[in-house]
Amino acid sequence: MPHLEAVVSSTLRPDAWSANNAQCRSRYQILAEAEPDLICRVLNLFAMQYLIPQQVSVLQQEGVLTIDVEVDGMSWHRAQVIGEKMRNLINVCSVALEPIEESHVLSGPVSLAVG
């Protein structure tokens, strides 16, 4: 019986569709019917690509979920493919995808003065 060995995986999955394209940060804005498993199904699309979102926010109002997800480390083409997969999920009404300029991304917390 062979000994068990630890499997070492790369931190980012190579993008076979467009390996030469630069990676970008993307924001998804999803509107969907409120269902208990929908958030897991949306986040699973990133997990299957070995991606961890930088930020996730969810708001439920009147039976509608508003989900905002920011993800870094993938090409624009891959971001679009994941967006199309989201649109095909049951209970998803709409998906908006936009690239985020790196110059607008904050690197740390910001303190606001109240005056």
Protein backbone atom coordinates (compact mmCIF):
# COMPACT_ATOMS: atom_id res chain seq x y z
CA MET A 1 0.00 0.00 0.00
CA PRO A 2 1.58 3.35 -1.01
CA HIS A 3 2.20 6.07 1.54
CA LEU A 4 -0.08 9.08 1.45
CA GLU A 5 1.58 12.25 0.25
CA ALA A 6 0.43 15.81 0.63
CA VAL A 7 -0.87 17.31 -2.58
CA VAL A 8 0.65 20.68 -3.30
CA SER A 9 -1.62 22.89 -5.39
CA SER A 10 -0.76 26.20 -6.97
CA THR A 11 -2.26 29.30 -5.41
CA LEU A 12 -3.85 30.36 -8.70
CA ARG A 13 -5.28 28.12 -11.34
CA PRO A 14 -3.67 28.78 -14.75
CA ASP A 15 -6.03 30.39 -17.24
CA ALA A 16 -5.92 28.06 -20.23
CA TRP A 17 -8.34 30.26 -22.22
CA SER A 18 -6.14 33.32 -22.21
CA ALA A 19 -2.86 32.57 -20.48
CA ASN A 20 -1.16 35.69 -21.89
CA ASN A 21 -3.81 38.16 -20.71
CA ALA A 22 -3.17 40.34 -17.68
CA GLN A 23 -5.06 39.60 -14.53
CA CYS A 24 -7.54 42.13 -13.23
CA ARG A 25 -9.86 42.80 -10.32
CA SER A 26 -13.55 42.44 -11.14
CA ARG A 27 -16.79 43.38 -9.41
CA TYR A 28 -19.95 41.34 -9.81
CA GLN A 29 -23.33 42.80 -8.85
CA ILE A 30 -25.97 40.09 -8.71
CA LEU A 31 -29.72 40.43 -8.16
CA ALA A 32 -31.55 37.22 -7.34
CA GLU A 33 -34.57 35.76 -5.62
CA ALA A 34 -33.78 35.08 -1.96
CA GLU A 35 -33.07 31.36 -1.64
CA PRO A 36 -31.08 29.76 1.21
CA ASP A 37 -28.50 28.06 -1.02
CA LEU A 38 -27.97 30.81 -3.59
CA ILE A 39 -25.00 32.48 -1.88
CA CYS A 40 -23.20 29.12 -1.71
CA ARG A 41 -23.88 28.42 -5.38
CA VAL A 42 -22.51 31.83 -6.41
CA LEU A 43 -19.37 31.53 -4.29
CA ASN A 44 -18.82 27.95 -5.47
CA LEU A 45 -18.20 29.27 -9.00
CA PHE A 46 -15.09 31.01 -7.64
CA ALA A 47 -14.04 28.09 -5.44
CA MET A 48 -14.02 25.74 -8.44
CA GLN A 49 -11.45 28.09 -10.05
CA TYR A 50 -9.32 28.23 -6.86
CA LEU A 51 -10.26 31.88 -6.37
CA ILE A 52 -11.09 33.56 -3.07
CA PRO A 53 -13.10 36.80 -3.31
CA GLN A 54 -11.51 39.92 -1.83
CA GLN A 55 -14.89 41.17 -0.66
CA VAL A 56 -18.44 39.82 -0.50
CA SER A 57 -21.54 41.66 0.65
CA VAL A 58 -25.12 40.45 0.67
CA LEU A 59 -28.31 42.37 1.37
CA GLN A 60 -31.80 40.89 1.46
CA GLN A 61 -34.80 43.17 0.92
CA GLU A 62 -38.34 42.09 0.13
CA GLY A 63 -37.35 38.63 -1.09
CA VAL A 64 -34.50 39.86 -3.31
CA LEU A 65 -30.80 39.31 -2.64
CA THR A 66 -28.29 41.91 -3.76
CA ILE A 67 -24.85 40.27 -3.84
CA ASP A 68 -21.66 42.23 -4.53
CA VAL A 69 -18.45 40.25 -5.04
CA GLU A 70 -14.96 41.58 -5.78
CA VAL A 71 -12.40 39.09 -7.08
CA ASP A 72 -8.77 39.54 -8.02
CA GLY A 73 -6.36 37.27 -9.88
CA MET A 74 -8.16 36.27 -13.07
CA SER A 75 -8.24 37.45 -16.66
CA TRP A 76 -11.15 39.51 -17.95
CA HIS A 77 -12.17 36.59 -20.15
CA ARG A 78 -12.42 34.24 -17.17
CA ALA A 79 -14.40 36.90 -15.26
CA GLN A 80 -16.90 37.03 -18.15
CA VAL A 81 -17.21 33.24 -18.27
CA ILE A 82 -17.96 33.10 -14.54
CA GLY A 83 -20.51 35.90 -15.01
CA GLU A 84 -22.29 33.87 -17.70
CA LYS A 85 -22.37 30.85 -15.38
CA MET A 86 -23.94 33.05 -12.70
CA ARG A 87 -26.61 34.20 -15.15
CA ASN A 88 -27.50 30.54 -15.74
CA LEU A 89 -28.12 29.83 -12.06
CA ILE A 90 -31.73 29.33 -11.09
CA ASN A 91 -33.17 32.31 -9.19
CA VAL A 92 -30.59 34.79 -10.57
CA CYS A 93 -32.33 37.76 -12.19
CA SER A 94 -29.33 39.78 -13.38
CA VAL A 95 -25.54 39.93 -13.22
CA ALA A 96 -23.50 43.08 -13.87
CA LEU A 97 -19.74 42.76 -14.25
CA GLU A 98 -17.21 45.58 -14.29
CA PRO A 99 -13.42 45.81 -14.05
CA ILE A 100 -12.06 47.74 -11.09
CA GLU A 101 -9.16 50.10 -11.63
CA GLU A 102 -6.30 49.24 -9.29
CA SER A 103 -5.75 52.91 -8.46
CA HIS A 104 -9.19 53.02 -6.78
CA VAL A 105 -8.58 49.97 -4.60
CA LEU A 106 -7.72 50.83 -1.00
CA SER A 107 -4.85 48.91 0.53
CA GLY A 108 -5.88 49.37 4.14
CA PRO A 109 -8.62 50.64 6.41
CA VAL A 110 -9.54 54.32 6.25
CA SER A 111 -10.51 56.40 9.28
CA LEU A 112 -13.03 59.16 8.69
CA ALA A 113 -13.10 62.19 10.93
CA VAL A 114 -16.47 63.31 12.18
CA GLY A 115 -16.69 67.02 12.29
